[in-house]
Amino acid sequence: MSRIQVVIVVVTLTLTAAAGMAAPKHAEPPTARLMKLAVELPSPEVARVTLRGAAFPGGVPGGVTGQVLTLGGDVAVPLDGAVTFGGDATSTSASFDIRLRSIPERVLALDPNELAVRWEGLDAKGVTVAALAGTLDLGDPGATELPLRKLYDAYAKLSQVEVTPGLTSVHVRASLSLLNPLGFDIGITRVVATLRVGGKAVVTVQRPAFRLRAGGHSEVPLDQDVALADVAGGMAGLLRGDPAGVDGSVVIQTPQGDREVPLHLGAALQ
């Protein structure tokens, strides 16, 4: 190796080392393992989420004044309200509000049965000083607490249930009202619904594809004539006006394929 080559190598190594020394080193913030996600519904427009996790080994970090939520590794979700963060020797929790209309459409591409969730608490300078992170199965009751009755009451209602007996058939009419609180349209592949009266199946109907408009209601009519012989088991309930209900599913379109959302609704007969 010539003298000039040696000089070049030495200079290159020196510059590389200097650059490494000058580059800021960001230490990984204290991170607690996320164990559970709980949801409350103050209104149809807002979800209040509480993340619960293991304790921080060195105690709960202080100075948290801001927060960031990321789903699936790279989908940032805007958060509303003040930071509520704390814990003790056994657990940690962080609570925040999400305005549902602000959730990005990219969440439809995420797998709810294997959802990476990361919450970061920021100090006044915007530096992450604490984190709760983990992967949850939102369909696992042990990993989530969802107010299912409130969710159905807010976003799906069965109404205008009417049953008109005839000589050879019964005319069944009902309306399934669906509310989309999100800021983007949702494609519905189909709706399959079984109307039950007094626990007896009366009629099963299927509705073809349509779109749930952002922030709007969609009415799905359930309107059909049913032969008397087919509703013989539920005829007594029909005549008494027993409570009616719908079991079934709404199948929504996602970038990863169709996803089924179960329906369990009730309404009084008219």
Protein backbone atom coordinates (compact mmCIF):
# COMPACT_ATOMS: atom_id res chain seq x y z
CA MET A 1 0.00 0.00 0.00
CA SER A 2 1.46 3.39 -0.97
CA ARG A 3 1.87 6.24 1.50
CA ILE A 4 -1.00 8.18 -0.07
CA GLN A 5 -3.30 5.15 0.27
CA VAL A 6 -2.40 4.81 3.94
CA VAL A 7 -3.22 8.50 4.48
CA ILE A 8 -6.60 8.10 2.76
CA VAL A 9 -7.49 5.06 4.92
CA VAL A 10 -6.49 6.86 8.12
CA VAL A 11 -8.48 9.98 7.21
CA THR A 12 -11.55 7.89 6.27
CA LEU A 13 -11.48 5.96 9.55
CA THR A 14 -11.02 9.20 11.52
CA LEU A 15 -13.99 10.88 9.80
CA THR A 16 -16.15 7.78 10.31
CA ALA A 17 -15.34 7.65 14.01
CA ALA A 18 -15.98 11.37 14.39
CA ALA A 19 -19.33 11.10 12.66
CA GLY A 20 -20.29 8.26 14.98
CA MET A 21 -19.31 10.30 18.03
CA ALA A 22 -21.26 13.34 16.80
CA ALA A 23 -24.45 11.44 15.99
CA PRO A 24 -27.03 11.66 18.79
CA LYS A 25 -27.79 8.35 20.44
CA HIS A 26 -31.45 7.81 21.32
CA ALA A 27 -31.80 5.35 24.14
CA GLU A 28 -34.83 3.07 24.07
CA PRO A 29 -37.37 4.58 26.51
CA PRO A 30 -38.62 2.51 29.46
CA THR A 31 -41.27 0.22 27.97
CA ALA A 32 -43.93 -1.79 29.79
CA ARG A 33 -45.55 -4.82 28.19
CA LEU A 34 -49.12 -4.12 27.08
CA MET A 35 -51.57 -6.70 28.41
CA LYS A 36 -55.12 -5.37 27.94
CA LEU A 37 -57.18 -2.79 26.09
CA ALA A 38 -60.48 -1.47 27.45
CA VAL A 39 -62.96 0.75 25.60
CA GLU A 40 -65.72 3.02 26.89
CA LEU A 41 -68.15 4.97 24.73
CA PRO A 42 -68.94 8.45 26.10
CA SER A 43 -70.71 9.23 22.81
CA PRO A 44 -71.08 7.65 19.34
CA GLU A 45 -68.35 10.00 18.12
CA VAL A 46 -65.73 9.38 20.81
CA ALA A 47 -64.09 6.24 22.21
CA ARG A 48 -62.26 6.36 25.53
CA VAL A 49 -59.45 3.81 25.53
CA THR A 50 -57.48 2.53 28.50
CA LEU A 51 -54.31 0.52 27.94
CA ARG A 52 -53.17 -1.65 30.85
CA GLY A 53 -49.74 -3.16 31.10
CA ALA A 54 -47.08 -4.56 33.39
CA ALA A 55 -45.22 -2.36 35.85
CA PHE A 56 -42.11 -0.40 34.91
CA PRO A 57 -39.12 -2.02 36.70
CA GLY A 58 -37.76 1.35 37.79
CA GLY A 59 -41.08 2.92 38.64
CA VAL A 60 -43.45 4.98 36.49
CA PRO A 61 -41.50 7.65 34.55
CA GLY A 62 -42.55 11.22 35.28
CA GLY A 63 -42.81 14.35 33.17
CA VAL A 64 -45.27 12.94 30.62
CA THR A 65 -47.16 15.83 29.01
CA GLY A 66 -47.90 14.48 25.52
CA GLN A 67 -48.73 11.18 23.87
CA VAL A 68 -48.63 9.27 20.59
CA LEU A 69 -50.54 6.13 19.56
CA THR A 70 -49.38 3.86 16.76
CA LEU A 71 -51.21 0.78 15.46
CA GLY A 72 -49.76 -1.95 13.28
CA GLY A 73 -46.27 -0.47 13.50
CA ASP A 74 -46.87 2.59 11.32
CA VAL A 75 -50.48 3.83 11.51
CA ALA A 76 -50.60 6.92 13.73
CA VAL A 77 -53.95 7.65 15.40
CA PRO A 78 -54.63 11.24 16.59
CA LEU A 79 -55.51 11.49 20.28
CA ASP A 80 -57.75 13.98 22.09
CA GLY A 81 -57.62 15.35 25.60
CA ALA A 82 -55.10 15.43 28.40
CA VAL A 83 -52.65 12.67 29.21
CA THR A 84 -53.78 10.21 31.90
CA PHE A 85 -50.82 8.02 32.77
CA GLY A 86 -49.80 6.25 35.96
CA GLY A 87 -49.16 3.01 37.75
CA ASP A 88 -47.79 1.25 40.78
CA ALA A 89 -45.57 -1.68 41.66
CA THR A 90 -47.78 -4.16 39.79
CA SER A 91 -49.27 -2.39 36.76
CA THR A 92 -49.30 0.63 34.45
CA SER A 93 -52.13 2.31 32.58
CA ALA A 94 -52.65 5.05 30.03
CA SER A 95 -56.05 6.49 29.06
CA PHE A 96 -57.01 8.76 26.18
CA ASP A 97 -59.89 9.74 23.93
CA ILE A 98 -60.06 8.99 20.21
CA ARG A 99 -62.38 11.02 18.00
CA LEU A 100 -63.55 8.21 15.72
CA ARG A 101 -63.83 10.45 12.67
CA SER A 102 -60.08 11.13 12.88
CA ILE A 103 -59.03 7.46 12.61
CA PRO A 104 -57.18 6.93 9.31
CA GLU A 105 -58.63 4.57 6.70
CA ARG A 106 -55.43 2.51 6.82
CA VAL A 107 -56.70 0.77 9.96
CA LEU A 108 -58.90 -1.38 7.70
CA ALA A 109 -55.75 -3.12 6.48
CA LEU A 110 -54.68 -4.12 10.01
CA ASP A 111 -55.32 -7.57 11.45
CA PRO A 112 -57.55 -7.16 14.55
CA ASN A 113 -56.53 -10.62 15.76
CA GLU A 114 -52.83 -9.71 15.81
CA LEU A 115 -52.71 -5.96 16.31
CA ALA A 116 -49.47 -4.27 17.33
CA VAL A 117 -50.28 -1.38 19.69
CA ARG A 118 -47.74 1.17 20.93
CA TRP A 119 -48.49 4.14 23.15
CA GLU A 120 -45.70 6.61 23.90
CA GLY A 121 -45.65 9.27 26.61
CA LEU A 122 -43.72 12.39 25.63
CA ASP A 123 -42.09 15.06 27.76
CA ALA A 124 -42.37 18.81 27.18
CA LYS A 125 -39.65 18.60 24.50
CA GLY A 126 -41.46 15.88 22.57
CA VAL A 127 -39.02 13.17 23.64
CA THR A 128 -40.46 9.72 24.42
CA VAL A 129 -39.91 8.99 28.11
CA ALA A 130 -42.24 5.98 28.53
CA ALA A 131 -44.03 3.45 26.36
CA LEU A 132 -46.69 0.73 26.57
CA ALA A 133 -46.39 -1.77 23.74
CA GLY A 134 -47.57 -5.22 22.73
CA THR A 135 -49.62 -7.29 20.29
CA LEU A 136 -53.28 -7.95 21.09
CA ASP A 137 -56.03 -10.15 19.74
CA LEU A 138 -59.06 -7.85 19.82
CA GLY A 139 -61.32 -10.90 19.58
CA ASP A 140 -59.93 -12.34 22.82
CA PRO A 141 -62.09 -11.39 25.85
CA GLY A 142 -59.01 -11.78 28.01
CA ALA A 143 -57.20 -9.08 26.05
CA THR A 144 -60.04 -6.61 25.50
CA GLU A 145 -62.99 -5.10 27.35
CA LEU A 146 -65.64 -3.86 24.91
CA PRO A 147 -69.07 -2.42 25.82
CA LEU A 148 -70.88 -4.61 23.30
CA ARG A 149 -74.39 -3.51 24.30
CA LYS A 150 -73.44 0.16 23.99
CA LEU A 151 -71.71 -0.49 20.68
CA TYR A 152 -74.83 -2.11 19.23
CA ASP A 153 -77.08 0.61 20.65
CA ALA A 154 -74.88 3.32 19.14
CA TYR A 155 -74.12 1.87 15.71
CA ALA A 156 -76.74 -0.76 14.83
CA LYS A 157 -80.46 -0.68 15.61
CA LEU A 158 -83.39 -2.87 14.63
CA SER A 159 -86.59 -0.85 14.30
CA GLN A 160 -89.99 -0.71 12.64
CA VAL A 161 -90.55 -4.44 13.06
CA GLU A 162 -93.98 -5.27 11.63
CA VAL A 163 -95.57 -8.68 11.10
CA THR A 164 -98.77 -8.95 9.04
CA PRO A 165 -100.39 -12.43 8.94
CA GLY A 166 -102.25 -13.42 5.75
CA LEU A 167 -104.19 -16.45 4.62
CA THR A 168 -101.18 -18.38 3.36
CA SER A 169 -98.19 -16.27 4.38
CA VAL A 170 -96.85 -13.76 6.84
CA HIS A 171 -95.38 -10.47 5.68
CA VAL A 172 -92.35 -9.49 7.75
CA ARG A 173 -90.97 -5.98 7.57
CA ALA A 174 -88.15 -4.45 9.59
CA SER A 175 -85.41 -1.89 9.23
CA LEU A 176 -81.79 -2.34 10.23
CA SER A 177 -80.15 1.04 10.81
CA LEU A 178 -76.34 1.18 10.69
CA LEU A 179 -74.24 4.21 11.69
CA ASN A 180 -70.70 4.70 10.42
CA PRO A 181 -68.90 7.06 12.87
CA LEU A 182 -65.65 7.00 10.89
CA GLY A 183 -64.35 9.61 8.48
CA PHE A 184 -64.30 7.27 5.48
CA ASP A 185 -66.79 5.06 3.65
CA ILE A 186 -67.01 1.37 4.53
CA GLY A 187 -67.81 -1.14 1.83
CA ILE A 188 -70.33 -3.79 2.88
CA THR A 189 -70.17 -7.07 0.96
CA ARG A 190 -73.44 -8.38 2.36
CA VAL A 191 -75.74 -8.46 5.35
CA VAL A 192 -77.17 -11.78 6.52
CA ALA A 193 -79.88 -11.49 9.18
CA THR A 194 -82.24 -13.95 10.85
CA LEU A 195 -85.29 -12.41 12.47
CA ARG A 196 -86.33 -14.25 15.63
CA VAL A 197 -89.53 -13.81 17.62
CA GLY A 198 -89.71 -15.33 21.08
CA GLY A 199 -86.47 -17.15 20.31
CA LYS A 200 -87.94 -18.83 17.19
CA ALA A 201 -86.45 -18.13 13.75
CA VAL A 202 -89.03 -16.49 11.49
CA VAL A 203 -87.10 -15.48 8.40
CA THR A 204 -83.53 -15.19 7.16
CA VAL A 205 -82.73 -12.51 4.60
CA GLN A 206 -79.56 -11.52 2.79
CA ARG A 207 -78.86 -8.08 1.39
CA PRO A 208 -76.29 -7.45 -1.36
CA ALA A 209 -73.33 -5.06 -1.37
CA PHE A 210 -73.65 -1.37 -0.51
CA ARG A 211 -71.56 1.40 1.06
CA LEU A 212 -71.82 2.89 4.52
CA ARG A 213 -71.14 6.57 3.97
CA ALA A 214 -68.71 8.37 6.30
CA GLY A 215 -70.47 9.78 9.33
CA GLY A 216 -73.89 8.71 8.05
CA HIS A 217 -76.73 6.27 8.64
CA SER A 218 -77.73 3.55 6.23
CA GLU A 219 -81.09 1.82 6.36
CA VAL A 220 -81.09 -1.86 5.40
CA PRO A 221 -84.67 -3.06 4.75
CA LEU A 222 -85.65 -6.56 5.84
CA ASP A 223 -88.87 -7.05 3.88
CA GLN A 224 -90.17 -10.48 2.91
CA ASP A 225 -93.22 -12.75 2.66
CA VAL A 226 -92.85 -16.03 4.53
CA ALA A 227 -95.09 -19.08 4.08
CA LEU A 228 -97.15 -19.90 7.14
CA ALA A 229 -95.71 -23.40 7.20
CA ASP A 230 -92.20 -21.94 7.50
CA VAL A 231 -93.07 -19.90 10.58
CA ALA A 232 -95.33 -22.39 12.31
CA GLY A 233 -92.96 -22.65 15.27
CA GLY A 234 -92.87 -18.91 15.78
CA MET A 235 -96.51 -18.18 14.97
CA ALA A 236 -97.62 -18.02 18.61
CA GLY A 237 -94.90 -15.49 19.34
CA LEU A 238 -95.87 -13.47 16.28
CA LEU A 239 -99.50 -13.30 17.40
CA ARG A 240 -98.53 -12.40 20.99
CA GLY A 241 -96.13 -9.71 19.84
CA ASP A 242 -93.18 -11.29 21.62
CA PRO A 243 -89.87 -9.36 21.53
CA ALA A 244 -88.10 -9.62 18.21
CA GLY A 245 -84.40 -9.85 17.58
CA VAL A 246 -81.92 -10.25 14.78
CA ASP A 247 -78.90 -12.54 14.69
CA GLY A 248 -76.54 -12.47 11.78
CA SER A 249 -73.55 -10.65 10.42
CA VAL A 250 -72.37 -7.65 8.46
CA VAL A 251 -69.47 -8.50 6.16
CA ILE A 252 -67.20 -5.52 5.48
CA GLN A 253 -64.59 -5.10 2.77
CA THR A 254 -60.95 -4.59 3.80
CA PRO A 255 -57.68 -4.57 1.87
CA GLN A 256 -56.99 -8.00 3.40
CA GLY A 257 -60.34 -9.47 2.33
CA ASP A 258 -63.84 -9.67 3.77
CA ARG A 259 -64.25 -9.42 7.54
CA GLU A 260 -67.35 -10.56 9.39
CA VAL A 261 -68.89 -8.47 12.18
CA PRO A 262 -71.60 -10.29 14.19
CA LEU A 263 -75.06 -8.80 14.81
CA HIS A 264 -77.20 -9.38 17.90
CA LEU A 265 -80.04 -6.88 18.06
CA GLY A 266 -83.47 -6.62 19.62
CA ALA A 267 -86.63 -4.56 19.13
CA ALA A 268 -90.31 -4.70 20.05
CA LEU A 269 -92.86 -5.91 17.55
CA GLN A 270 -95.35 -3.39 16.21
